[in-house]
Amino acid sequence: MTAYEYRVVPAPKRGVKERGLKTGEDRYAHALQGAINELGAKGWEYLRAETLPCEERHGLRGRSIVHHSVLVFRRATAQAAPATPVAAEPMASPQGKQGLSASRDEMPAASRAVPSAREAQDIPDRPAPQVTAKSGD
């Protein structure tokens, strides 16, 4: 699996004048294209543009929510990705039954490879406590 590093930069606020670009929309598209191409030349792959809310302070005590437009880029890191652990094969269920595991009563103790935690600690089975109803509740 490839690991990535990300870079987020503010989107241009206004267009750039260029010969042949008459409308504000064309000028803004040219500014945006310049920002994307500049980082693309440095090895960053453009992913998307996002508009995200940000709480900003105004004056001494005032706060307001302002939305900022940002450009998101990524590039593959030079680090080797950690090896993916290999899962062990599931154990076969006894007598062809489907399910997660067999209980202690269904499977003979001789065929179990690993003792349960209770058996390993030699803790005897205890009966469940008796629940009695109190009168006057």
C-alpha atoms as a PDB file:
ATOM      1  CA  MET A   1       0.000   0.000   0.000  1.00  0.00           C
ATOM      2  CA  THR A   2       1.351   3.406  -0.929  1.00  0.00           C
ATOM      3  CA  ALA A   3       1.715   6.027   1.787  1.00  0.00           C
ATOM      4  CA  TYR A   4       0.989   9.660   0.935  1.00  0.00           C
ATOM      5  CA  GLU A   5       1.784  13.043   2.373  1.00  0.00           C
ATOM      6  CA  TYR A   6      -0.709  15.848   1.864  1.00  0.00           C
ATOM      7  CA  ARG A   7      -0.437  19.563   1.322  1.00  0.00           C
ATOM      8  CA  VAL A   8      -3.295  22.024   1.659  1.00  0.00           C
ATOM      9  CA  VAL A   9      -2.916  25.550   0.266  1.00  0.00           C
ATOM     10  CA  PRO A  10      -5.374  28.446   0.128  1.00  0.00           C
ATOM     11  CA  ALA A  11      -7.155  28.828  -3.189  1.00  0.00           C
ATOM     12  CA  PRO A  12      -6.493  32.101  -5.029  1.00  0.00           C
ATOM     13  CA  LYS A  13      -8.729  34.959  -3.841  1.00  0.00           C
ATOM     14  CA  ARG A  14      -8.842  36.775  -7.180  1.00  0.00           C
ATOM     15  CA  GLY A  15      -7.988  36.301 -10.815  1.00  0.00           C
ATOM     16  CA  VAL A  16      -4.749  37.285 -12.518  1.00  0.00           C
ATOM     17  CA  LYS A  17      -4.736  39.633 -15.504  1.00  0.00           C
ATOM     18  CA  GLU A  18      -3.442  37.996 -18.640  1.00  0.00           C
ATOM     19  CA  ARG A  19      -3.565  39.041 -22.255  1.00  0.00           C
ATOM     20  CA  GLY A  20      -6.648  37.637 -23.965  1.00  0.00           C
ATOM     21  CA  LEU A  21      -8.576  36.944 -20.737  1.00  0.00           C
ATOM     22  CA  LYS A  22     -11.583  39.261 -20.692  1.00  0.00           C
ATOM     23  CA  THR A  23     -13.913  37.984 -17.959  1.00  0.00           C
ATOM     24  CA  GLY A  24     -13.314  37.604 -14.242  1.00  0.00           C
ATOM     25  CA  GLU A  25     -14.164  33.921 -14.542  1.00  0.00           C
ATOM     26  CA  ASP A  26     -11.382  33.377 -17.115  1.00  0.00           C
ATOM     27  CA  ARG A  27      -8.891  35.321 -14.994  1.00  0.00           C
ATOM     28  CA  TYR A  28      -9.744  33.304 -11.889  1.00  0.00           C
ATOM     29  CA  ALA A  29      -9.456  30.014 -13.796  1.00  0.00           C
ATOM     30  CA  HIS A  30      -6.017  31.131 -15.019  1.00  0.00           C
ATOM     31  CA  ALA A  31      -4.914  31.933 -11.420  1.00  0.00           C
ATOM     32  CA  LEU A  32      -6.186  28.560 -10.220  1.00  0.00           C
ATOM     33  CA  GLN A  33      -4.449  26.773 -13.083  1.00  0.00           C
ATOM     34  CA  GLY A  34      -1.188  28.534 -12.218  1.00  0.00           C
ATOM     35  CA  ALA A  35      -1.381  27.458  -8.574  1.00  0.00           C
ATOM     36  CA  ILE A  36      -2.087  23.825  -9.519  1.00  0.00           C
ATOM     37  CA  ASN A  37       0.666  23.725 -12.152  1.00  0.00           C
ATOM     38  CA  GLU A  38       3.207  25.282  -9.764  1.00  0.00           C
ATOM     39  CA  LEU A  39       2.768  22.520  -7.183  1.00  0.00           C
ATOM     40  CA  GLY A  40       2.401  19.875  -9.898  1.00  0.00           C
ATOM     41  CA  ALA A  41       5.892  20.774 -11.143  1.00  0.00           C
ATOM     42  CA  LYS A  42       7.192  20.037  -7.630  1.00  0.00           C
ATOM     43  CA  GLY A  43       5.688  16.523  -7.642  1.00  0.00           C
ATOM     44  CA  TRP A  44       2.345  17.221  -5.934  1.00  0.00           C
ATOM     45  CA  GLU A  45      -0.791  15.625  -7.404  1.00  0.00           C
ATOM     46  CA  TYR A  46      -3.939  17.757  -7.272  1.00  0.00           C
ATOM     47  CA  LEU A  47      -6.807  15.976  -5.487  1.00  0.00           C
ATOM     48  CA  ARG A  48      -9.651  18.448  -4.949  1.00  0.00           C
ATOM     49  CA  ALA A  49     -10.811  21.849  -3.807  1.00  0.00           C
ATOM     50  CA  GLU A  50     -12.659  22.160  -0.501  1.00  0.00           C
ATOM     51  CA  THR A  51     -14.580  24.934   1.218  1.00  0.00           C
ATOM     52  CA  LEU A  52     -14.273  24.537   4.973  1.00  0.00           C
ATOM     53  CA  PRO A  53     -15.620  26.544   7.929  1.00  0.00           C
ATOM     54  CA  CYS A  54     -13.226  28.232  10.337  1.00  0.00           C
ATOM     55  CA  GLU A  55     -14.024  30.146  13.503  1.00  0.00           C
ATOM     56  CA  GLU A  56     -12.194  33.482  13.590  1.00  0.00           C
ATOM     57  CA  ARG A  57     -12.003  36.259  16.140  1.00  0.00           C
ATOM     58  CA  HIS A  58     -13.229  39.752  15.358  1.00  0.00           C
ATOM     59  CA  GLY A  59     -12.410  42.495  17.859  1.00  0.00           C
ATOM     60  CA  LEU A  60     -11.963  41.702  21.521  1.00  0.00           C
ATOM     61  CA  ARG A  61     -14.735  39.194  22.129  1.00  0.00           C
ATOM     62  CA  GLY A  62     -16.437  38.632  18.816  1.00  0.00           C
ATOM     63  CA  ARG A  63     -16.210  35.388  16.904  1.00  0.00           C
ATOM     64  CA  SER A  64     -17.681  34.393  13.583  1.00  0.00           C
ATOM     65  CA  ILE A  65     -17.581  31.492  11.170  1.00  0.00           C
ATOM     66  CA  VAL A  66     -15.742  32.194   7.909  1.00  0.00           C
ATOM     67  CA  HIS A  67     -15.525  29.743   5.012  1.00  0.00           C
ATOM     68  CA  HIS A  68     -12.140  29.280   3.332  1.00  0.00           C
ATOM     69  CA  SER A  69     -11.488  27.624  -0.021  1.00  0.00           C
ATOM     70  CA  VAL A  70      -8.403  25.407  -0.109  1.00  0.00           C
ATOM     71  CA  LEU A  71      -6.679  23.168  -2.646  1.00  0.00           C
ATOM     72  CA  VAL A  72      -5.640  19.673  -1.550  1.00  0.00           C
ATOM     73  CA  PHE A  73      -2.558  17.990  -3.045  1.00  0.00           C
ATOM     74  CA  ARG A  74      -0.797  14.704  -2.313  1.00  0.00           C
ATOM     75  CA  ARG A  75       2.361  12.835  -3.269  1.00  0.00           C
ATOM     76  CA  ALA A  76       3.733   9.415  -2.485  1.00  0.00           C
ATOM     77  CA  THR A  77       6.247   9.286   0.348  1.00  0.00           C
ATOM     78  CA  ALA A  78       9.667   7.731  -0.053  1.00  0.00           C
ATOM     79  CA  GLN A  79       9.179   5.649   3.103  1.00  0.00           C
ATOM     80  CA  ALA A  80       8.498   1.975   2.721  1.00  0.00           C
ATOM     81  CA  ALA A  81       4.961   1.089   3.701  1.00  0.00           C
ATOM     82  CA  PRO A  82       4.687  -1.214   6.731  1.00  0.00           C
ATOM     83  CA  ALA A  83       4.203  -4.858   5.870  1.00  0.00           C
ATOM     84  CA  THR A  84       0.610  -6.012   6.007  1.00  0.00           C
ATOM     85  CA  PRO A  85       0.181  -8.752   8.614  1.00  0.00           C
ATOM     86  CA  VAL A  86      -0.961 -12.078   7.261  1.00  0.00           C
ATOM     87  CA  ALA A  87      -4.084 -13.456   8.903  1.00  0.00           C
ATOM     88  CA  ALA A  88      -3.998 -16.990  10.219  1.00  0.00           C
ATOM     89  CA  GLU A  89      -6.267 -19.564   8.622  1.00  0.00           C
ATOM     90  CA  PRO A  90      -9.526 -20.084  10.526  1.00  0.00           C
ATOM     91  CA  MET A  91      -9.836 -23.268  12.565  1.00  0.00           C
ATOM     92  CA  ALA A  92     -12.145 -25.951  11.248  1.00  0.00           C
ATOM     93  CA  SER A  93     -15.352 -26.214  13.229  1.00  0.00           C
ATOM     94  CA  PRO A  94     -16.051 -29.604  14.827  1.00  0.00           C
ATOM     95  CA  GLN A  95     -18.458 -32.049  13.162  1.00  0.00           C
ATOM     96  CA  GLY A  96     -18.886 -29.719  10.189  1.00  0.00           C
ATOM     97  CA  LYS A  97     -20.891 -27.147  12.179  1.00  0.00           C
ATOM     98  CA  GLN A  98     -20.706 -23.539  11.006  1.00  0.00           C
ATOM     99  CA  GLY A  99     -20.032 -20.863  13.578  1.00  0.00           C
ATOM    100  CA  LEU A 100     -17.364 -18.874  15.305  1.00  0.00           C
ATOM    101  CA  SER A 101     -16.207 -21.492  17.802  1.00  0.00           C
ATOM    102  CA  ALA A 102     -17.425 -24.474  19.732  1.00  0.00           C
ATOM    103  CA  SER A 103     -18.184 -24.271  23.426  1.00  0.00           C
ATOM    104  CA  ARG A 104     -16.313 -26.403  25.927  1.00  0.00           C
ATOM    105  CA  ASP A 105     -19.205 -28.896  26.151  1.00  0.00           C
ATOM    106  CA  GLU A 106     -19.340 -29.514  22.383  1.00  0.00           C
ATOM    107  CA  MET A 107     -15.645 -30.223  21.899  1.00  0.00           C
ATOM    108  CA  PRO A 108     -13.708 -32.882  23.821  1.00  0.00           C
ATOM    109  CA  ALA A 109     -10.853 -31.522  25.934  1.00  0.00           C
ATOM    110  CA  ALA A 110      -8.291 -33.751  24.177  1.00  0.00           C
ATOM    111  CA  SER A 111      -8.919 -32.120  20.786  1.00  0.00           C
ATOM    112  CA  ARG A 112      -8.507 -28.540  22.040  1.00  0.00           C
ATOM    113  CA  ALA A 113      -5.001 -27.260  21.315  1.00  0.00           C
ATOM    114  CA  VAL A 114      -4.996 -24.247  23.656  1.00  0.00           C
ATOM    115  CA  PRO A 115      -6.531 -24.330  27.143  1.00  0.00           C
ATOM    116  CA  SER A 116      -9.038 -21.627  27.984  1.00  0.00           C
ATOM    117  CA  ALA A 117      -8.030 -18.827  30.348  1.00  0.00           C
ATOM    118  CA  ARG A 118     -10.078 -20.407  33.129  1.00  0.00           C
ATOM    119  CA  GLU A 119      -8.334 -23.779  32.708  1.00  0.00           C
ATOM    120  CA  ALA A 120      -4.877 -22.211  32.428  1.00  0.00           C
ATOM    121  CA  GLN A 121      -5.361 -20.444  35.779  1.00  0.00           C
ATOM    122  CA  ASP A 122      -7.024 -23.461  37.417  1.00  0.00           C
ATOM    123  CA  ILE A 123     -10.082 -21.434  38.415  1.00  0.00           C
ATOM    124  CA  PRO A 124     -13.044 -23.672  39.252  1.00  0.00           C
ATOM    125  CA  ASP A 125     -16.411 -22.938  37.647  1.00  0.00           C
ATOM    126  CA  ARG A 126     -18.723 -21.105  40.017  1.00  0.00           C
ATOM    127  CA  PRO A 127     -22.510 -21.212  39.783  1.00  0.00           C
ATOM    128  CA  ALA A 128     -24.317 -17.969  38.974  1.00  0.00           C
ATOM    129  CA  PRO A 129     -25.548 -16.064  42.051  1.00  0.00           C
ATOM    130  CA  GLN A 130     -29.182 -16.508  43.044  1.00  0.00           C
ATOM    131  CA  VAL A 131     -31.407 -13.507  42.365  1.00  0.00           C
ATOM    132  CA  THR A 132     -34.196 -13.011  44.838  1.00  0.00           C
ATOM    133  CA  ALA A 133     -37.036 -10.504  44.588  1.00  0.00           C
ATOM    134  CA  LYS A 134     -37.433  -8.177  47.513  1.00  0.00           C
ATOM    135  CA  SER A 135     -40.921  -7.391  48.710  1.00  0.00           C
ATOM    136  CA  GLY A 136     -41.914  -3.746  48.913  1.00  0.00           C
ATOM    137  CA  ASP A 137     -40.017  -2.600  45.797  1.00  0.00           C
END
